[in-house]
PDB file of N, CA and C in Angstrom:
ATOM      1  N   UNK A   1      96.466  87.708 108.528  1.00  0.00           N
ATOM      2  CA  UNK A   1      96.812  89.207 108.815  1.00  0.00           C
ATOM      3  C   UNK A   1      98.075  89.604 109.080  1.00  0.00           C
ATOM      4  N   UNK A   2      98.801  90.537 108.140  1.00  0.00           N
ATOM      5  CA  UNK A   2     100.243  91.098 108.768  1.00  0.00           C
ATOM      6  C   UNK A   2     100.034  92.477 109.117  1.00  0.00           C
ATOM      7  N   UNK A   3     100.624  92.752 110.437  1.00  0.00           N
ATOM      8  CA  UNK A   3     100.165  94.247 110.927  1.00  0.00           C
ATOM      9  C   UNK A   3     101.047  94.736 110.302  1.00  0.00           C
ATOM     10  N   UNK A   4     102.355  94.553 109.868  1.00  0.00           N
ATOM     11  CA  UNK A   4     103.270  95.636 108.975  1.00  0.00           C
ATOM     12  C   UNK A   4     102.486  96.035 107.829  1.00  0.00           C
ATOM     13  N   UNK A   5     102.184  95.139 106.888  1.00  0.00           N
ATOM     14  CA  UNK A   5     101.234  95.314 105.900  1.00  0.00           C
ATOM     15  C   UNK A   5     100.329  96.237 105.997  1.00  0.00           C
ATOM     16  N   UNK A   6      99.358  95.804 106.807  1.00  0.00           N
ATOM     17  CA  UNK A   6      98.129  96.655 107.378  1.00  0.00           C
ATOM     18  C   UNK A   6      98.891  98.136 107.667  1.00  0.00           C
ATOM     19  N   UNK A   7      99.948  98.380 108.501  1.00  0.00           N
ATOM     20  CA  UNK A   7     100.135  99.627 108.745  1.00  0.00           C
ATOM     21  C   UNK A   7     100.672 100.631 107.466  1.00  0.00           C
ATOM     22  N   UNK A   8     101.181  99.670 106.482  1.00  0.00           N
ATOM     23  CA  UNK A   8     101.563 100.384 105.188  1.00  0.00           C
ATOM     24  C   UNK A   8     100.387 101.006 104.444  1.00  0.00           C
ATOM     25  N   UNK A   9      99.213 100.424 104.382  1.00  0.00           N
ATOM     26  CA  UNK A   9      98.281 100.356 103.715  1.00  0.00           C
ATOM     27  C   UNK A   9      97.373 102.033 104.642  1.00  0.00           C
ATOM     28  N   UNK A  10      97.652 101.763 106.078  1.00  0.00           N
ATOM     29  CA  UNK A  10      96.835 102.882 106.625  1.00  0.00           C
ATOM     30  C   UNK A  10      97.627 104.462 106.619  1.00  0.00           C
ATOM     31  N   UNK A  11      98.873 104.155 106.445  1.00  0.00           N
ATOM     32  CA  UNK A  11      99.587 105.083 106.206  1.00  0.00           C
ATOM     33  C   UNK A  11      99.900 105.711 105.051  1.00  0.00           C
ATOM     34  N   UNK A  12      99.336 104.845 103.840  1.00  0.00           N
ATOM     35  CA  UNK A  12      99.312 105.519 102.360  1.00  0.00           C
ATOM     36  C   UNK A  12      98.895 106.594 101.993  1.00  0.00           C
ATOM     37  N   UNK A  13      99.365 107.696 101.558  1.00  0.00           N
ATOM     38  CA  UNK A  13      98.869 108.894 101.077  1.00  0.00           C
ATOM     39  C   UNK A  13      97.771 108.548 100.262  1.00  0.00           C
ATOM     40  N   UNK A  14      97.270 107.571  99.298  1.00  0.00           N
ATOM     41  CA  UNK A  14      96.314 107.108  98.688  1.00  0.00           C
ATOM     42  C   UNK A  14      95.192 106.678  99.791  1.00  0.00           C
ATOM     43  N   UNK A  15      95.422 106.263 100.753  1.00  0.00           N
ATOM     44  CA  UNK A  15      94.277 105.755 101.533  1.00  0.00           C
ATOM     45  C   UNK A  15      94.089 106.997 102.765  1.00  0.00           C
ATOM     46  N   UNK A  16      94.464 106.866 104.022  1.00  0.00           N
ATOM     47  CA  UNK A  16      94.370 107.395 105.099  1.00  0.00           C
ATOM     48  C   UNK A  16      95.579 108.523 105.483  1.00  0.00           C
ATOM     49  N   UNK A  17      96.724 108.584 104.839  1.00  0.00           N
ATOM     50  CA  UNK A  17      97.945 109.000 105.026  1.00  0.00           C
ATOM     51  C   UNK A  17      98.076 110.402 104.258  1.00  0.00           C
ATOM     52  N   UNK A  18      98.983 110.989 104.709  1.00  0.00           N
ATOM     53  CA  UNK A  18      99.648 112.418 104.010  1.00  0.00           C
ATOM     54  C   UNK A  18     100.992 112.144 103.686  1.00  0.00           C
ATOM     55  N   UNK A  19     101.308 112.659 102.427  1.00  0.00           N
ATOM     56  CA  UNK A  19     102.494 112.859 102.258  1.00  0.00           C
ATOM     57  C   UNK A  19     103.257 113.696 103.020  1.00  0.00           C
ATOM     58  N   UNK A  20     104.439 113.489 103.365  1.00  0.00           N
ATOM     59  CA  UNK A  20     104.977 114.371 104.085  1.00  0.00           C
ATOM     60  C   UNK A  20     106.511 114.704 104.044  1.00  0.00           C
ATOM     61  N   UNK A  21     107.218 115.907 104.217  1.00  0.00           N
ATOM     62  CA  UNK A  21     108.348 116.048 104.328  1.00  0.00           C
ATOM     63  C   UNK A  21     108.990 116.105 105.688  1.00  0.00           C
ATOM     64  N   UNK A  22     110.055 115.332 106.181  1.00  0.00           N
ATOM     65  CA  UNK A  22     110.712 115.235 107.551  1.00  0.00           C
ATOM     66  C   UNK A  22     111.598 116.308 107.561  1.00  0.00           C
ATOM     67  N   UNK A  23     112.000 117.290 108.343  1.00  0.00           N
ATOM     68  CA  UNK A  23     113.146 118.351 108.352  1.00  0.00           C
ATOM     69  C   UNK A  23     113.586 118.409 106.745  1.00  0.00           C
ATOM     70  N   UNK A  24     112.790 118.747 106.126  1.00  0.00           N
ATOM     71  CA  UNK A  24     113.030 119.009 104.324  1.00  0.00           C
ATOM     72  C   UNK A  24     113.132 117.931 103.487  1.00  0.00           C
ATOM     73  N   UNK A  25     113.302 116.735 103.873  1.00  0.00           N
ATOM     74  CA  UNK A  25     113.370 115.528 103.340  1.00  0.00           C
ATOM     75  C   UNK A  25     111.988 114.739 103.009  1.00  0.00           C
ATOM     76  N   UNK A  26     112.150 114.657 101.738  1.00  0.00           N
ATOM     77  CA  UNK A  26     110.727 113.959 101.287  1.00  0.00           C
ATOM     78  C   UNK A  26     110.523 112.456 101.094  1.00  0.00           C
ATOM     79  N   UNK A  27     109.398 111.964 101.001  1.00  0.00           N
ATOM     80  CA  UNK A  27     109.253 110.492 100.914  1.00  0.00           C
ATOM     81  C   UNK A  27     108.777 109.747 102.069  1.00  0.00           C
ATOM     82  N   UNK A  28     108.187 110.478 102.909  1.00  0.00           N
ATOM     83  CA  UNK A  28     107.481 110.129 103.966  1.00  0.00           C
ATOM     84  C   UNK A  28     106.076 109.995 104.043  1.00  0.00           C
ATOM     85  N   UNK A  29     105.251 109.242 104.855  1.00  0.00           N
ATOM     86  CA  UNK A  29     103.832 109.594 105.086  1.00  0.00           C
ATOM     87  C   UNK A  29     103.618 109.261 106.523  1.00  0.00           C
ATOM     88  N   UNK A  30     102.444 110.079 106.970  1.00  0.00           N
ATOM     89  CA  UNK A  30     102.173 109.960 108.193  1.00  0.00           C
ATOM     90  C   UNK A  30     100.518 110.225 108.438  1.00  0.00           C
ATOM     91  N   UNK A  31      99.790 110.046 109.601  1.00  0.00           N
ATOM     92  CA  UNK A  31      98.716 110.404 109.804  1.00  0.00           C
ATOM     93  C   UNK A  31      98.543 111.642 110.498  1.00  0.00           C
ATOM     94  N   UNK A  32      97.522 112.625 109.989  1.00  0.00           N
ATOM     95  CA  UNK A  32      97.393 113.954 110.492  1.00  0.00           C
ATOM     96  C   UNK A  32      96.242 113.555 111.109  1.00  0.00           C
ATOM     97  N   UNK A  33      96.117 113.879 112.405  1.00  0.00           N
ATOM     98  CA  UNK A  33      95.155 113.799 113.583  1.00  0.00           C
ATOM     99  C   UNK A  33      95.010 115.727 113.925  1.00  0.00           C
ATOM    100  N   UNK A  34      93.325 115.926 113.774  1.00  0.00           N
ATOM    101  CA  UNK A  34      93.087 117.148 114.239  1.00  0.00           C
ATOM    102  C   UNK A  34      91.977 117.261 115.119  1.00  0.00           C
ATOM    103  N   UNK A  35      92.132 116.638 116.430  1.00  0.00           N
ATOM    104  CA  UNK A  35      90.995 116.432 117.363  1.00  0.00           C
ATOM    105  C   UNK A  35      90.919 117.725 117.769  1.00  0.00           C
ATOM    106  N   UNK A  36      89.489 118.075 118.315  1.00  0.00           N
ATOM    107  CA  UNK A  36      88.845 118.970 119.012  1.00  0.00           C
ATOM    108  C   UNK A  36      88.616 118.565 120.623  1.00  0.00           C
ATOM    109  N   UNK A  37      88.581 119.434 121.438  1.00  0.00           N
ATOM    110  CA  UNK A  37      88.401 119.413 122.977  1.00  0.00           C
ATOM    111  C   UNK A  37      87.832 120.498 123.523  1.00  0.00           C
ATOM    112  N   UNK A  38      86.871 120.403 124.705  1.00  0.00           N
ATOM    113  CA  UNK A  38      86.550 121.509 125.289  1.00  0.00           C
ATOM    114  C   UNK A  38      87.523 121.959 126.565  1.00  0.00           C
ATOM    115  N   UNK A  39      87.811 123.061 126.715  1.00  0.00           N
ATOM    116  CA  UNK A  39      88.710 123.537 127.704  1.00  0.00           C
ATOM    117  C   UNK A  39      88.118 124.122 128.866  1.00  0.00           C
ATOM    118  N   UNK A  40      87.805 124.047 130.153  1.00  0.00           N
ATOM    119  CA  UNK A  40      87.438 124.670 130.859  1.00  0.00           C
ATOM    120  C   UNK A  40      88.057 125.906 131.572  1.00  0.00           C
ATOM    121  N   UNK A  41      87.805 127.220 131.534  1.00  0.00           N
ATOM    122  CA  UNK A  41      88.524 128.247 132.243  1.00  0.00           C
ATOM    123  C   UNK A  41      87.611 129.227 132.642  1.00  0.00           C
ATOM    124  N   UNK A  42      88.049 129.451 134.050  1.00  0.00           N
ATOM    125  CA  UNK A  42      87.244 130.700 134.695  1.00  0.00           C
ATOM    126  C   UNK A  42      85.443 130.407 134.796  1.00  0.00           C
ATOM    127  N   UNK A  43      85.183 129.121 134.659  1.00  0.00           N
ATOM    128  CA  UNK A  43      83.870 129.152 134.388  1.00  0.00           C
ATOM    129  C   UNK A  43      83.376 129.145 133.118  1.00  0.00           C
ATOM    130  N   UNK A  44      83.924 129.625 132.019  1.00  0.00           N
ATOM    131  CA  UNK A  44      83.563 129.210 130.660  1.00  0.00           C
ATOM    132  C   UNK A  44      84.301 128.110 129.952  1.00  0.00           C
ATOM    133  N   UNK A  45      83.796 127.710 128.855  1.00  0.00           N
ATOM    134  CA  UNK A  45      84.157 126.572 128.016  1.00  0.00           C
ATOM    135  C   UNK A  45      84.665 126.849 126.434  1.00  0.00           C
ATOM    136  N   UNK A  46      85.505 126.783 126.167  1.00  0.00           N
ATOM    137  CA  UNK A  46      86.163 126.736 125.103  1.00  0.00           C
ATOM    138  C   UNK A  46      86.662 125.804 124.131  1.00  0.00           C
ATOM    139  N   UNK A  47      86.339 125.625 122.874  1.00  0.00           N
ATOM    140  CA  UNK A  47      86.659 124.629 121.822  1.00  0.00           C
ATOM    141  C   UNK A  47      88.065 124.625 121.474  1.00  0.00           C
ATOM    142  N   UNK A  48      89.009 123.817 121.829  1.00  0.00           N
ATOM    143  CA  UNK A  48      90.498 123.789 121.372  1.00  0.00           C
ATOM    144  C   UNK A  48      90.473 122.786 120.333  1.00  0.00           C
ATOM    145  N   UNK A  49      91.298 123.304 119.142  1.00  0.00           N
ATOM    146  CA  UNK A  49      91.766 122.208 118.390  1.00  0.00           C
ATOM    147  C   UNK A  49      93.332 122.088 118.549  1.00  0.00           C
ATOM    148  N   UNK A  50      93.565 120.926 118.283  1.00  0.00           N
ATOM    149  CA  UNK A  50      95.250 120.510 118.598  1.00  0.00           C
ATOM    150  C   UNK A  50      95.693 119.656 117.109  1.00  0.00           C
ATOM    151  N   UNK A  51      96.742 119.417 116.803  1.00  0.00           N
ATOM    152  CA  UNK A  51      97.298 118.815 115.772  1.00  0.00           C
ATOM    153  C   UNK A  51      98.210 117.878 116.140  1.00  0.00           C
ATOM    154  N   UNK A  52      98.114 116.551 115.935  1.00  0.00           N
ATOM    155  CA  UNK A  52      99.110 115.452 116.197  1.00  0.00           C
ATOM    156  C   UNK A  52      99.561 114.674 114.651  1.00  0.00           C
ATOM    157  N   UNK A  53     100.796 113.958 114.692  1.00  0.00           N
ATOM    158  CA  UNK A  53     101.053 113.531 113.758  1.00  0.00           C
ATOM    159  C   UNK A  53     101.383 112.131 114.216  1.00  0.00           C
ATOM    160  N   UNK A  54     100.703 110.879 113.226  1.00  0.00           N
ATOM    161  CA  UNK A  54     101.525 109.633 113.799  1.00  0.00           C
ATOM    162  C   UNK A  54     102.339 109.196 112.761  1.00  0.00           C
ATOM    163  N   UNK A  55     103.530 108.827 113.264  1.00  0.00           N
ATOM    164  CA  UNK A  55     104.813 108.555 112.309  1.00  0.00           C
ATOM    165  C   UNK A  55     105.027 107.091 112.640  1.00  0.00           C
ATOM    166  N   UNK A  56     104.921 106.319 111.488  1.00  0.00           N
ATOM    167  CA  UNK A  56     105.366 105.083 111.770  1.00  0.00           C
ATOM    168  C   UNK A  56     107.064 104.660 111.792  1.00  0.00           C
ATOM    169  N   UNK A  57     107.461 103.903 112.848  1.00  0.00           N
ATOM    170  CA  UNK A  57     108.901 104.073 113.571  1.00  0.00           C
ATOM    171  C   UNK A  57     109.757 103.380 112.044  1.00  0.00           C
ATOM    172  N   UNK A  58     109.290 102.946 111.474  1.00  0.00           N
ATOM    173  CA  UNK A  58     110.136 102.284 110.051  1.00  0.00           C
ATOM    174  C   UNK A  58     110.612 103.486 109.217  1.00  0.00           C
ATOM    175  N   UNK A  59     109.927 104.467 109.253  1.00  0.00           N
ATOM    176  CA  UNK A  59     110.156 105.675 108.464  1.00  0.00           C
ATOM    177  C   UNK A  59     110.825 106.702 109.226  1.00  0.00           C
ATOM    178  N   UNK A  60     110.657 107.072 110.505  1.00  0.00           N
ATOM    179  CA  UNK A  60     111.201 107.945 111.375  1.00  0.00           C
ATOM    180  C   UNK A  60     111.609 107.136 112.608  1.00  0.00           C
ATOM    181  N   UNK A  61     112.653 106.649 112.980  1.00  0.00           N
ATOM    182  CA  UNK A  61     113.104 106.360 114.148  1.00  0.00           C
ATOM    183  C   UNK A  61     113.051 106.834 115.372  1.00  0.00           C
ATOM    184  N   UNK A  62     113.513 108.175 115.412  1.00  0.00           N
ATOM    185  CA  UNK A  62     113.385 108.912 116.688  1.00  0.00           C
ATOM    186  C   UNK A  62     113.107 110.693 116.363  1.00  0.00           C
ATOM    187  N   UNK A  63     111.766 110.742 116.307  1.00  0.00           N
ATOM    188  CA  UNK A  63     111.210 112.246 116.210  1.00  0.00           C
ATOM    189  C   UNK A  63     112.026 113.185 117.497  1.00  0.00           C
ATOM    190  N   UNK A  64     112.002 114.348 117.006  1.00  0.00           N
ATOM    191  CA  UNK A  64     112.367 115.134 118.214  1.00  0.00           C
ATOM    192  C   UNK A  64     111.765 116.547 118.459  1.00  0.00           C
ATOM    193  N   UNK A  65     111.722 116.916 119.483  1.00  0.00           N
ATOM    194  CA  UNK A  65     111.072 118.428 119.803  1.00  0.00           C
ATOM    195  C   UNK A  65     112.063 119.184 118.871  1.00  0.00           C
ATOM    196  N   UNK A  66     111.319 119.993 118.211  1.00  0.00           N
ATOM    197  CA  UNK A  66     111.824 120.951 117.230  1.00  0.00           C
ATOM    198  C   UNK A  66     111.639 120.843 115.762  1.00  0.00           C
ATOM    199  N   UNK A  67     111.792 119.371 115.532  1.00  0.00           N
ATOM    200  CA  UNK A  67     111.802 118.836 114.125  1.00  0.00           C
ATOM    201  C   UNK A  67     110.921 119.449 113.248  1.00  0.00           C
ATOM    202  N   UNK A  68     110.816 119.538 112.073  1.00  0.00           N
ATOM    203  CA  UNK A  68     109.698 120.078 111.144  1.00  0.00           C
ATOM    204  C   UNK A  68     109.086 119.191 110.602  1.00  0.00           C
ATOM    205  N   UNK A  69     107.606 118.948 110.403  1.00  0.00           N
ATOM    206  CA  UNK A  69     106.810 118.169 109.531  1.00  0.00           C
ATOM    207  C   UNK A  69     106.219 119.036 108.430  1.00  0.00           C
ATOM    208  N   UNK A  70     106.217 118.784 107.163  1.00  0.00           N
ATOM    209  CA  UNK A  70     105.766 119.607 106.209  1.00  0.00           C
ATOM    210  C   UNK A  70     104.638 118.855 105.547  1.00  0.00           C
ATOM    211  N   UNK A  71     103.462 119.219 105.755  1.00  0.00           N
ATOM    212  CA  UNK A  71     102.173 118.237 104.852  1.00  0.00           C
ATOM    213  C   UNK A  71     102.630 118.847 103.394  1.00  0.00           C
ATOM    214  N   UNK A  72     102.860 117.948 102.652  1.00  0.00           N
ATOM    215  CA  UNK A  72     102.916 118.212 101.033  1.00  0.00           C
ATOM    216  C   UNK A  72     101.830 118.840 100.323  1.00  0.00           C
ATOM    217  N   UNK A  73     100.877 118.208 100.230  1.00  0.00           N
ATOM    218  CA  UNK A  73      99.377 118.659  99.931  1.00  0.00           C
ATOM    219  C   UNK A  73      99.194 120.085 100.072  1.00  0.00           C
ATOM    220  N   UNK A  74      99.873 120.554 101.173  1.00  0.00           N
ATOM    221  CA  UNK A  74      99.290 121.967 101.398  1.00  0.00           C
ATOM    222  C   UNK A  74     100.332 122.996 101.729  1.00  0.00           C
ATOM    223  N   UNK A  75     101.636 122.396 101.787  1.00  0.00           N
ATOM    224  CA  UNK A  75     102.907 122.997 101.929  1.00  0.00           C
ATOM    225  C   UNK A  75     102.963 124.179 103.217  1.00  0.00           C
ATOM    226  N   UNK A  76     102.317 122.982 103.917  1.00  0.00           N
ATOM    227  CA  UNK A  76     102.245 123.739 105.299  1.00  0.00           C
ATOM    228  C   UNK A  76     103.106 122.964 106.583  1.00  0.00           C
ATOM    229  N   UNK A  77     103.639 123.955 107.210  1.00  0.00           N
ATOM    230  CA  UNK A  77     105.197 123.434 108.123  1.00  0.00           C
ATOM    231  C   UNK A  77     104.287 123.222 109.516  1.00  0.00           C
ATOM    232  N   UNK A  78     104.773 122.382 110.347  1.00  0.00           N
ATOM    233  CA  UNK A  78     104.492 122.168 111.586  1.00  0.00           C
ATOM    234  C   UNK A  78     105.556 121.525 112.507  1.00  0.00           C
ATOM    235  N   UNK A  79     105.845 122.268 113.388  1.00  0.00           N
ATOM    236  CA  UNK A  79     107.069 121.763 114.824  1.00  0.00           C
ATOM    237  C   UNK A  79     106.775 121.189 115.843  1.00  0.00           C
ATOM    238  N   UNK A  80     107.342 120.162 116.077  1.00  0.00           N
ATOM    239  CA  UNK A  80     107.028 119.465 117.220  1.00  0.00           C
ATOM    240  C   UNK A  80     107.109 119.766 118.242  1.00  0.00           C
ATOM    241  N   UNK A  81     106.340 119.976 118.887  1.00  0.00           N
ATOM    242  CA  UNK A  81     106.434 120.992 120.453  1.00  0.00           C
ATOM    243  C   UNK A  81     106.104 119.845 121.514  1.00  0.00           C
ATOM    244  N   UNK A  82     105.911 118.882 121.533  1.00  0.00           N
ATOM    245  CA  UNK A  82     105.893 117.937 122.616  1.00  0.00           C
ATOM    246  C   UNK A  82     106.579 116.759 122.512  1.00  0.00           C
ATOM    247  N   UNK A  83     106.971 116.354 123.404  1.00  0.00           N
ATOM    248  CA  UNK A  83     107.681 114.878 123.657  1.00  0.00           C
ATOM    249  C   UNK A  83     107.100 113.945 122.866  1.00  0.00           C
ATOM    250  N   UNK A  84     107.784 113.220 121.765  1.00  0.00           N
ATOM    251  CA  UNK A  84     107.059 112.104 120.967  1.00  0.00           C
ATOM    252  C   UNK A  84     106.726 110.919 121.877  1.00  0.00           C
ATOM    253  N   UNK A  85     105.768 110.393 121.695  1.00  0.00           N
ATOM    254  CA  UNK A  85     105.223 109.109 122.665  1.00  0.00           C
ATOM    255  C   UNK A  85     105.318 107.732 121.486  1.00  0.00           C
ATOM    256  N   UNK A  86     105.634 106.758 121.746  1.00  0.00           N
ATOM    257  CA  UNK A  86     105.502 105.813 121.178  1.00  0.00           C
ATOM    258  C   UNK A  86     104.569 104.709 121.554  1.00  0.00           C
ATOM    259  N   UNK A  87     103.836 104.296 120.828  1.00  0.00           N
ATOM    260  CA  UNK A  87     102.321 103.387 120.957  1.00  0.00           C
ATOM    261  C   UNK A  87     102.956 102.245 121.797  1.00  0.00           C
ATOM    262  N   UNK A  88     101.952 101.339 122.345  1.00  0.00           N
ATOM    263  CA  UNK A  88     102.229 100.123 122.980  1.00  0.00           C
ATOM    264  C   UNK A  88     103.167  99.253 122.244  1.00  0.00           C
ATOM    265  N   UNK A  89     103.046  98.967 121.200  1.00  0.00           N
ATOM    266  CA  UNK A  89     103.664  98.112 120.368  1.00  0.00           C
ATOM    267  C   UNK A  89     105.226  98.456 119.792  1.00  0.00           C
ATOM    268  N   UNK A  90     105.188  99.682 119.880  1.00  0.00           N
ATOM    269  CA  UNK A  90     106.280 100.156 119.461  1.00  0.00           C
ATOM    270  C   UNK A  90     106.458 100.594 118.023  1.00  0.00           C
ATOM    271  N   UNK A  91     105.591 100.650 117.230  1.00  0.00           N
ATOM    272  CA  UNK A  91     105.573 100.895 115.747  1.00  0.00           C
ATOM    273  C   UNK A  91     105.188 102.037 115.229  1.00  0.00           C
ATOM    274  N   UNK A  92     104.641 103.005 116.211  1.00  0.00           N
ATOM    275  CA  UNK A  92     104.149 104.261 115.791  1.00  0.00           C
ATOM    276  C   UNK A  92     104.333 105.352 116.655  1.00  0.00           C
ATOM    277  N   UNK A  93     105.012 106.390 116.269  1.00  0.00           N
ATOM    278  CA  UNK A  93     105.312 107.875 117.204  1.00  0.00           C
ATOM    279  C   UNK A  93     104.071 108.417 116.929  1.00  0.00           C
ATOM    280  N   UNK A  94     103.321 109.303 118.178  1.00  0.00           N
ATOM    281  CA  UNK A  94     102.501 110.141 118.132  1.00  0.00           C
ATOM    282  C   UNK A  94     103.249 111.655 118.669  1.00  0.00           C
ATOM    283  N   UNK A  95     103.278 112.591 117.944  1.00  0.00           N
ATOM    284  CA  UNK A  95     103.804 114.023 118.035  1.00  0.00           C
ATOM    285  C   UNK A  95     103.282 115.250 117.944  1.00  0.00           C
ATOM    286  N   UNK A  96     102.610 115.831 119.083  1.00  0.00           N
ATOM    287  CA  UNK A  96     102.189 117.015 119.219  1.00  0.00           C
ATOM    288  C   UNK A  96     102.908 117.819 118.637  1.00  0.00           C
ATOM    289  N   UNK A  97     102.189 118.945 117.611  1.00  0.00           N
ATOM    290  CA  UNK A  97     102.740 119.802 116.770  1.00  0.00           C
ATOM    291  C   UNK A  97     101.805 120.884 116.975  1.00  0.00           C
ATOM    292  N   UNK A  98     102.698 122.273 116.688  1.00  0.00           N
ATOM    293  CA  UNK A  98     102.143 123.494 116.631  1.00  0.00           C
ATOM    294  C   UNK A  98     102.678 124.420 115.140  1.00  0.00           C
TER     295      UNK A  98
END
């Protein structure tokens, strides 16, 4: 098993990935994650949806707060608004977006 080859399949837009443009440049792919969670406020509970993108370091070496990710399929833009975090093995960035 080759981890790099597995990552390529995982991020492939024909598999689990999304074709993206990064700061207007195309030819990249990412995993778009849209988790939800409960937020407790003043004794009430609200469902909160978030958006994150996982970007392979082989495609995006250093994402930066303020950079724009465009989902090609929807032509929808997202701005990185949290400090990108690199996974433990140094292969994938996780970026919070709005």
